[in-house]
């Protein structure tokens, strides 16, 4: 598309997303990789929460979670999810909608191993999204699993990655007088050809 230049230029939406994220890492004060992840429950009621995106590959977006959490259960049930990344400092955002699947292989093991020991033990200790009597109870559970698993715990079988393979990605940048720039990349399936359209603000 002739006017898709500057920050919107590129042959791959994943390359553009990585470029924008790299810029945000230099300007955002906290968590430039934060995404607002949206799912729906079995009744179709939407749910949203902030999650940290850990990787943008050439095929998908990856984050990690406890598979017993509400978000993981909802993703498992629907097989789909969406998220938005917004960077106030850059006045840009990326919206993603697509198909979700688990990442439970060596990449999940490697990411888990890269976390601090307390975070690794916390993954074992937390029954994410379930009621908790007090923080004292949680910290006692962290200490208990620390004794059980030692200083090099393996990744819990109930904890791992989620890969979101997009069917739609929209890049948005703030424009003067609310005349924003929006480009939507869309395809019918994971292996399909991208169709790119400029959208009205």
C-alpha atoms as a PDB file:
ATOM      1  CA  UNK A   1       0.000   0.000   0.000  1.00  0.00           C
ATOM      2  CA  UNK A   2       1.523   3.276  -1.154  1.00  0.00           C
ATOM      3  CA  UNK A   3       0.975   5.320   2.028  1.00  0.00           C
ATOM      4  CA  UNK A   4       2.069   2.567   4.451  1.00  0.00           C
ATOM      5  CA  UNK A   5       5.450   4.162   5.146  1.00  0.00           C
ATOM      6  CA  UNK A   6       7.552   5.187   8.138  1.00  0.00           C
ATOM      7  CA  UNK A   7       6.612   3.323  11.311  1.00  0.00           C
ATOM      8  CA  UNK A   8       4.002   1.278   9.394  1.00  0.00           C
ATOM      9  CA  UNK A   9       6.408   0.021   6.701  1.00  0.00           C
ATOM     10  CA  UNK A  10       7.406  -3.633   6.551  1.00  0.00           C
ATOM     11  CA  UNK A  11       6.611  -6.981   4.951  1.00  0.00           C
ATOM     12  CA  UNK A  12       5.781  -8.729   8.240  1.00  0.00           C
ATOM     13  CA  UNK A  13       3.463  -7.565  11.018  1.00  0.00           C
ATOM     14  CA  UNK A  14       5.666  -9.416  13.514  1.00  0.00           C
ATOM     15  CA  UNK A  15       8.699  -7.387  12.427  1.00  0.00           C
ATOM     16  CA  UNK A  16       6.710  -4.155  12.835  1.00  0.00           C
ATOM     17  CA  UNK A  17       5.490  -5.280  16.284  1.00  0.00           C
ATOM     18  CA  UNK A  18       9.056  -6.086  17.395  1.00  0.00           C
ATOM     19  CA  UNK A  19      10.234  -2.686  16.141  1.00  0.00           C
ATOM     20  CA  UNK A  20       7.509  -0.822  18.026  1.00  0.00           C
ATOM     21  CA  UNK A  21       8.163  -2.841  21.172  1.00  0.00           C
ATOM     22  CA  UNK A  22      11.889  -2.070  20.971  1.00  0.00           C
ATOM     23  CA  UNK A  23      11.087   1.649  20.737  1.00  0.00           C
ATOM     24  CA  UNK A  24       8.740   1.370  23.716  1.00  0.00           C
ATOM     25  CA  UNK A  25      11.458  -0.278  25.799  1.00  0.00           C
ATOM     26  CA  UNK A  26      13.401   2.992  25.552  1.00  0.00           C
ATOM     27  CA  UNK A  27      10.485   5.279  26.448  1.00  0.00           C
ATOM     28  CA  UNK A  28       8.006   3.499  28.743  1.00  0.00           C
ATOM     29  CA  UNK A  29       8.762   3.770  32.471  1.00  0.00           C
ATOM     30  CA  UNK A  30       7.376   0.361  33.435  1.00  0.00           C
ATOM     31  CA  UNK A  31       6.549  -2.868  31.623  1.00  0.00           C
ATOM     32  CA  UNK A  32       6.652  -1.811  27.952  1.00  0.00           C
ATOM     33  CA  UNK A  33       5.669  -5.417  27.170  1.00  0.00           C
ATOM     34  CA  UNK A  34       2.403  -5.234  29.138  1.00  0.00           C
ATOM     35  CA  UNK A  35      -0.695  -6.368  27.244  1.00  0.00           C
ATOM     36  CA  UNK A  36      -4.379  -6.181  28.151  1.00  0.00           C
ATOM     37  CA  UNK A  37      -5.423  -9.770  27.459  1.00  0.00           C
ATOM     38  CA  UNK A  38      -9.098 -10.434  26.714  1.00  0.00           C
ATOM     39  CA  UNK A  39     -10.852 -13.806  26.931  1.00  0.00           C
ATOM     40  CA  UNK A  40     -14.433 -15.013  27.346  1.00  0.00           C
ATOM     41  CA  UNK A  41     -15.791 -17.527  29.844  1.00  0.00           C
ATOM     42  CA  UNK A  42     -18.109 -20.451  29.108  1.00  0.00           C
ATOM     43  CA  UNK A  43     -21.124 -18.109  29.298  1.00  0.00           C
ATOM     44  CA  UNK A  44     -19.579 -15.677  26.812  1.00  0.00           C
ATOM     45  CA  UNK A  45     -18.877 -13.066  29.516  1.00  0.00           C
ATOM     46  CA  UNK A  46     -15.693 -11.122  28.629  1.00  0.00           C
ATOM     47  CA  UNK A  47     -12.714 -10.968  30.948  1.00  0.00           C
ATOM     48  CA  UNK A  48      -9.599  -8.762  30.737  1.00  0.00           C
ATOM     49  CA  UNK A  49      -6.350  -8.446  32.672  1.00  0.00           C
ATOM     50  CA  UNK A  50      -2.783  -7.218  32.246  1.00  0.00           C
ATOM     51  CA  UNK A  51      -0.167  -9.823  31.303  1.00  0.00           C
ATOM     52  CA  UNK A  52       3.486  -9.495  30.298  1.00  0.00           C
ATOM     53  CA  UNK A  53       4.240 -10.489  26.716  1.00  0.00           C
ATOM     54  CA  UNK A  54       7.519 -12.400  26.647  1.00  0.00           C
ATOM     55  CA  UNK A  55       8.220 -13.004  22.962  1.00  0.00           C
ATOM     56  CA  UNK A  56       7.212 -11.931  19.466  1.00  0.00           C
ATOM     57  CA  UNK A  57       8.274 -14.635  17.028  1.00  0.00           C
ATOM     58  CA  UNK A  58       7.803 -14.724  13.245  1.00  0.00           C
ATOM     59  CA  UNK A  59       4.496 -16.568  13.746  1.00  0.00           C
ATOM     60  CA  UNK A  60       2.970 -15.647  17.103  1.00  0.00           C
ATOM     61  CA  UNK A  61       2.974 -13.787  20.411  1.00  0.00           C
ATOM     62  CA  UNK A  62       3.946 -15.654  23.600  1.00  0.00           C
ATOM     63  CA  UNK A  63       3.152 -15.146  27.283  1.00  0.00           C
ATOM     64  CA  UNK A  64       3.265 -17.472  30.312  1.00  0.00           C
ATOM     65  CA  UNK A  65       0.742 -18.434  32.953  1.00  0.00           C
ATOM     66  CA  UNK A  66      -0.574 -21.006  35.384  1.00  0.00           C
ATOM     67  CA  UNK A  67      -2.826 -23.317  33.358  1.00  0.00           C
ATOM     68  CA  UNK A  68      -5.252 -23.450  36.276  1.00  0.00           C
ATOM     69  CA  UNK A  69      -5.811 -19.681  36.114  1.00  0.00           C
ATOM     70  CA  UNK A  70      -9.058 -18.172  34.873  1.00  0.00           C
ATOM     71  CA  UNK A  71      -7.393 -16.831  31.726  1.00  0.00           C
ATOM     72  CA  UNK A  72      -5.837 -20.182  30.853  1.00  0.00           C
ATOM     73  CA  UNK A  73      -9.080 -22.064  31.439  1.00  0.00           C
ATOM     74  CA  UNK A  74     -10.973 -19.574  29.274  1.00  0.00           C
ATOM     75  CA  UNK A  75      -8.360 -19.770  26.520  1.00  0.00           C
ATOM     76  CA  UNK A  76      -8.467 -23.571  26.643  1.00  0.00           C
ATOM     77  CA  UNK A  77     -12.258 -23.562  26.344  1.00  0.00           C
ATOM     78  CA  UNK A  78     -12.449 -21.020  23.493  1.00  0.00           C
ATOM     79  CA  UNK A  79      -9.157 -21.630  21.697  1.00  0.00           C
ATOM     80  CA  UNK A  80      -9.061 -17.907  20.993  1.00  0.00           C
ATOM     81  CA  UNK A  81      -8.013 -14.665  22.666  1.00  0.00           C
ATOM     82  CA  UNK A  82      -7.229 -11.022  21.958  1.00  0.00           C
ATOM     83  CA  UNK A  83      -4.978  -8.355  23.410  1.00  0.00           C
ATOM     84  CA  UNK A  84      -4.004  -4.733  23.066  1.00  0.00           C
ATOM     85  CA  UNK A  85      -0.615  -3.146  23.770  1.00  0.00           C
ATOM     86  CA  UNK A  86      -0.737   0.597  24.391  1.00  0.00           C
ATOM     87  CA  UNK A  87       2.253   2.878  24.768  1.00  0.00           C
ATOM     88  CA  UNK A  88       1.305   6.312  26.083  1.00  0.00           C
ATOM     89  CA  UNK A  89       4.828   7.670  25.540  1.00  0.00           C
ATOM     90  CA  UNK A  90       4.749   6.744  21.831  1.00  0.00           C
ATOM     91  CA  UNK A  91       1.016   7.373  21.372  1.00  0.00           C
ATOM     92  CA  UNK A  92       0.673   4.029  19.626  1.00  0.00           C
ATOM     93  CA  UNK A  93      -1.096   0.729  20.134  1.00  0.00           C
ATOM     94  CA  UNK A  94      -1.269  -2.749  18.623  1.00  0.00           C
ATOM     95  CA  UNK A  95      -4.429  -4.867  18.711  1.00  0.00           C
ATOM     96  CA  UNK A  96      -4.221  -8.625  18.136  1.00  0.00           C
ATOM     97  CA  UNK A  97      -6.938 -11.286  17.743  1.00  0.00           C
ATOM     98  CA  UNK A  98      -6.259 -14.944  17.044  1.00  0.00           C
ATOM     99  CA  UNK A  99      -5.953 -18.609  17.895  1.00  0.00           C
ATOM    100  CA  UNK A 100      -4.362 -19.713  21.154  1.00  0.00           C
ATOM    101  CA  UNK A 101      -2.429 -22.863  22.009  1.00  0.00           C
ATOM    102  CA  UNK A 102      -0.100 -24.065  24.764  1.00  0.00           C
ATOM    103  CA  UNK A 103       3.696 -23.852  24.684  1.00  0.00           C
ATOM    104  CA  UNK A 104       4.884 -26.642  26.971  1.00  0.00           C
ATOM    105  CA  UNK A 105       8.187 -27.597  25.342  1.00  0.00           C
ATOM    106  CA  UNK A 106      11.834 -26.620  25.737  1.00  0.00           C
ATOM    107  CA  UNK A 107      11.075 -22.914  25.235  1.00  0.00           C
ATOM    108  CA  UNK A 108       8.770 -22.937  28.256  1.00  0.00           C
ATOM    109  CA  UNK A 109      11.419 -24.789  30.276  1.00  0.00           C
ATOM    110  CA  UNK A 110      14.072 -22.252  29.243  1.00  0.00           C
ATOM    111  CA  UNK A 111      11.937 -19.251  30.122  1.00  0.00           C
ATOM    112  CA  UNK A 112      10.966 -20.749  33.489  1.00  0.00           C
ATOM    113  CA  UNK A 113      14.644 -21.424  34.269  1.00  0.00           C
ATOM    114  CA  UNK A 114      15.507 -17.789  33.466  1.00  0.00           C
ATOM    115  CA  UNK A 115      13.211 -16.447  36.214  1.00  0.00           C
ATOM    116  CA  UNK A 116      14.382 -15.661  39.735  1.00  0.00           C
ATOM    117  CA  UNK A 117      14.252 -18.522  42.249  1.00  0.00           C
ATOM    118  CA  UNK A 118      11.459 -16.841  44.210  1.00  0.00           C
ATOM    119  CA  UNK A 119       9.396 -16.437  41.040  1.00  0.00           C
ATOM    120  CA  UNK A 120       9.948 -20.102  40.145  1.00  0.00           C
ATOM    121  CA  UNK A 121       8.896 -21.199  43.624  1.00  0.00           C
ATOM    122  CA  UNK A 122       5.952 -18.815  43.436  1.00  0.00           C
ATOM    123  CA  UNK A 123       4.750 -20.589  40.312  1.00  0.00           C
ATOM    124  CA  UNK A 124       4.663 -23.838  42.309  1.00  0.00           C
ATOM    125  CA  UNK A 125       3.039 -22.223  45.352  1.00  0.00           C
ATOM    126  CA  UNK A 126       0.280 -20.163  43.763  1.00  0.00           C
ATOM    127  CA  UNK A 127      -3.078 -21.700  42.977  1.00  0.00           C
ATOM    128  CA  UNK A 128      -3.708 -18.806  40.629  1.00  0.00           C
ATOM    129  CA  UNK A 129      -7.210 -17.264  40.604  1.00  0.00           C
ATOM    130  CA  UNK A 130      -8.370 -19.379  43.564  1.00  0.00           C
ATOM    131  CA  UNK A 131      -9.362 -17.722  46.895  1.00  0.00           C
ATOM    132  CA  UNK A 132      -6.487 -17.070  49.336  1.00  0.00           C
ATOM    133  CA  UNK A 133      -6.904 -16.658  53.111  1.00  0.00           C
ATOM    134  CA  UNK A 134      -3.951 -14.270  53.532  1.00  0.00           C
ATOM    135  CA  UNK A 135      -0.526 -13.301  52.204  1.00  0.00           C
ATOM    136  CA  UNK A 136       0.973 -15.147  55.183  1.00  0.00           C
ATOM    137  CA  UNK A 137      -0.561 -18.381  53.894  1.00  0.00           C
ATOM    138  CA  UNK A 138       0.931 -17.750  50.440  1.00  0.00           C
ATOM    139  CA  UNK A 139       4.428 -17.038  51.788  1.00  0.00           C
ATOM    140  CA  UNK A 140       4.256 -20.153  53.959  1.00  0.00           C
ATOM    141  CA  UNK A 141       3.424 -22.166  50.852  1.00  0.00           C
ATOM    142  CA  UNK A 142       6.394 -20.605  49.006  1.00  0.00           C
ATOM    143  CA  UNK A 143       8.685 -21.666  51.870  1.00  0.00           C
ATOM    144  CA  UNK A 144       7.202 -25.150  51.847  1.00  0.00           C
ATOM    145  CA  UNK A 145       7.720 -25.708  48.126  1.00  0.00           C
ATOM    146  CA  UNK A 146      11.217 -24.263  48.491  1.00  0.00           C
ATOM    147  CA  UNK A 147      12.070 -27.077  50.899  1.00  0.00           C
ATOM    148  CA  UNK A 148      10.432 -29.641  48.638  1.00  0.00           C
ATOM    149  CA  UNK A 149      11.969 -28.504  45.314  1.00  0.00           C
ATOM    150  CA  UNK A 150      15.297 -26.979  46.363  1.00  0.00           C
ATOM    151  CA  UNK A 151      17.249 -24.230  44.630  1.00  0.00           C
ATOM    152  CA  UNK A 152      16.704 -25.440  41.063  1.00  0.00           C
ATOM    153  CA  UNK A 153      13.024 -26.388  40.715  1.00  0.00           C
ATOM    154  CA  UNK A 154      11.771 -27.801  37.430  1.00  0.00           C
ATOM    155  CA  UNK A 155       8.881 -26.160  35.620  1.00  0.00           C
ATOM    156  CA  UNK A 156       5.533 -27.152  37.148  1.00  0.00           C
ATOM    157  CA  UNK A 157       3.395 -29.297  34.829  1.00  0.00           C
ATOM    158  CA  UNK A 158       0.540 -26.823  35.367  1.00  0.00           C
ATOM    159  CA  UNK A 159       2.567 -23.777  34.294  1.00  0.00           C
ATOM    160  CA  UNK A 160       3.750 -22.831  30.820  1.00  0.00           C
ATOM    161  CA  UNK A 161       3.331 -20.685  27.765  1.00  0.00           C
ATOM    162  CA  UNK A 162       0.466 -19.605  25.573  1.00  0.00           C
ATOM    163  CA  UNK A 163       1.037 -18.832  21.917  1.00  0.00           C
ATOM    164  CA  UNK A 164      -1.390 -16.480  20.238  1.00  0.00           C
ATOM    165  CA  UNK A 165      -1.303 -16.976  16.467  1.00  0.00           C
ATOM    166  CA  UNK A 166      -2.948 -13.860  15.031  1.00  0.00           C
ATOM    167  CA  UNK A 167      -5.627 -13.761  12.384  1.00  0.00           C
ATOM    168  CA  UNK A 168      -5.831  -9.994  12.747  1.00  0.00           C
ATOM    169  CA  UNK A 169      -3.317  -7.353  13.831  1.00  0.00           C
ATOM    170  CA  UNK A 170      -4.029  -3.637  13.853  1.00  0.00           C
ATOM    171  CA  UNK A 171      -1.369  -0.960  14.188  1.00  0.00           C
ATOM    172  CA  UNK A 172      -2.621   2.424  15.442  1.00  0.00           C
ATOM    173  CA  UNK A 173      -0.771   5.715  15.822  1.00  0.00           C
ATOM    174  CA  UNK A 174      -2.147   8.960  17.199  1.00  0.00           C
ATOM    175  CA  UNK A 175      -2.807  11.670  14.635  1.00  0.00           C
ATOM    176  CA  UNK A 176      -3.437  15.398  14.919  1.00  0.00           C
ATOM    177  CA  UNK A 177      -7.075  16.402  15.477  1.00  0.00           C
ATOM    178  CA  UNK A 178      -7.929  12.730  16.173  1.00  0.00           C
ATOM    179  CA  UNK A 179      -7.213  11.829  12.544  1.00  0.00           C
ATOM    180  CA  UNK A 180      -5.320   8.712  13.599  1.00  0.00           C
ATOM    181  CA  UNK A 181      -3.468   6.299  11.334  1.00  0.00           C
ATOM    182  CA  UNK A 182      -4.717   2.698  11.432  1.00  0.00           C
ATOM    183  CA  UNK A 183      -3.578  -0.289   9.375  1.00  0.00           C
ATOM    184  CA  UNK A 184      -5.178  -3.708   9.764  1.00  0.00           C
ATOM    185  CA  UNK A 185      -3.449  -6.929   8.711  1.00  0.00           C
ATOM    186  CA  UNK A 186      -5.993  -9.755   8.333  1.00  0.00           C
ATOM    187  CA  UNK A 187      -5.918 -13.371   7.112  1.00  0.00           C
ATOM    188  CA  UNK A 188      -8.407 -16.255   7.061  1.00  0.00           C
ATOM    189  CA  UNK A 189      -6.181 -18.832   8.785  1.00  0.00           C
ATOM    190  CA  UNK A 190      -2.755 -19.249  10.350  1.00  0.00           C
ATOM    191  CA  UNK A 191      -1.074 -20.052   7.034  1.00  0.00           C
ATOM    192  CA  UNK A 192      -3.019 -17.537   4.971  1.00  0.00           C
ATOM    193  CA  UNK A 193      -1.856 -14.486   3.065  1.00  0.00           C
ATOM    194  CA  UNK A 194      -2.166 -11.167   4.842  1.00  0.00           C
ATOM    195  CA  UNK A 195      -4.579  -8.570   3.484  1.00  0.00           C
ATOM    196  CA  UNK A 196      -3.631  -5.048   4.570  1.00  0.00           C
ATOM    197  CA  UNK A 197      -6.136  -2.209   4.753  1.00  0.00           C
ATOM    198  CA  UNK A 198      -5.988   1.358   5.972  1.00  0.00           C
ATOM    199  CA  UNK A 199      -8.912   2.042   8.309  1.00  0.00           C
ATOM    200  CA  UNK A 200     -10.760   5.248   9.079  1.00  0.00           C
ATOM    201  CA  UNK A 201      -9.851   6.767  12.435  1.00  0.00           C
END
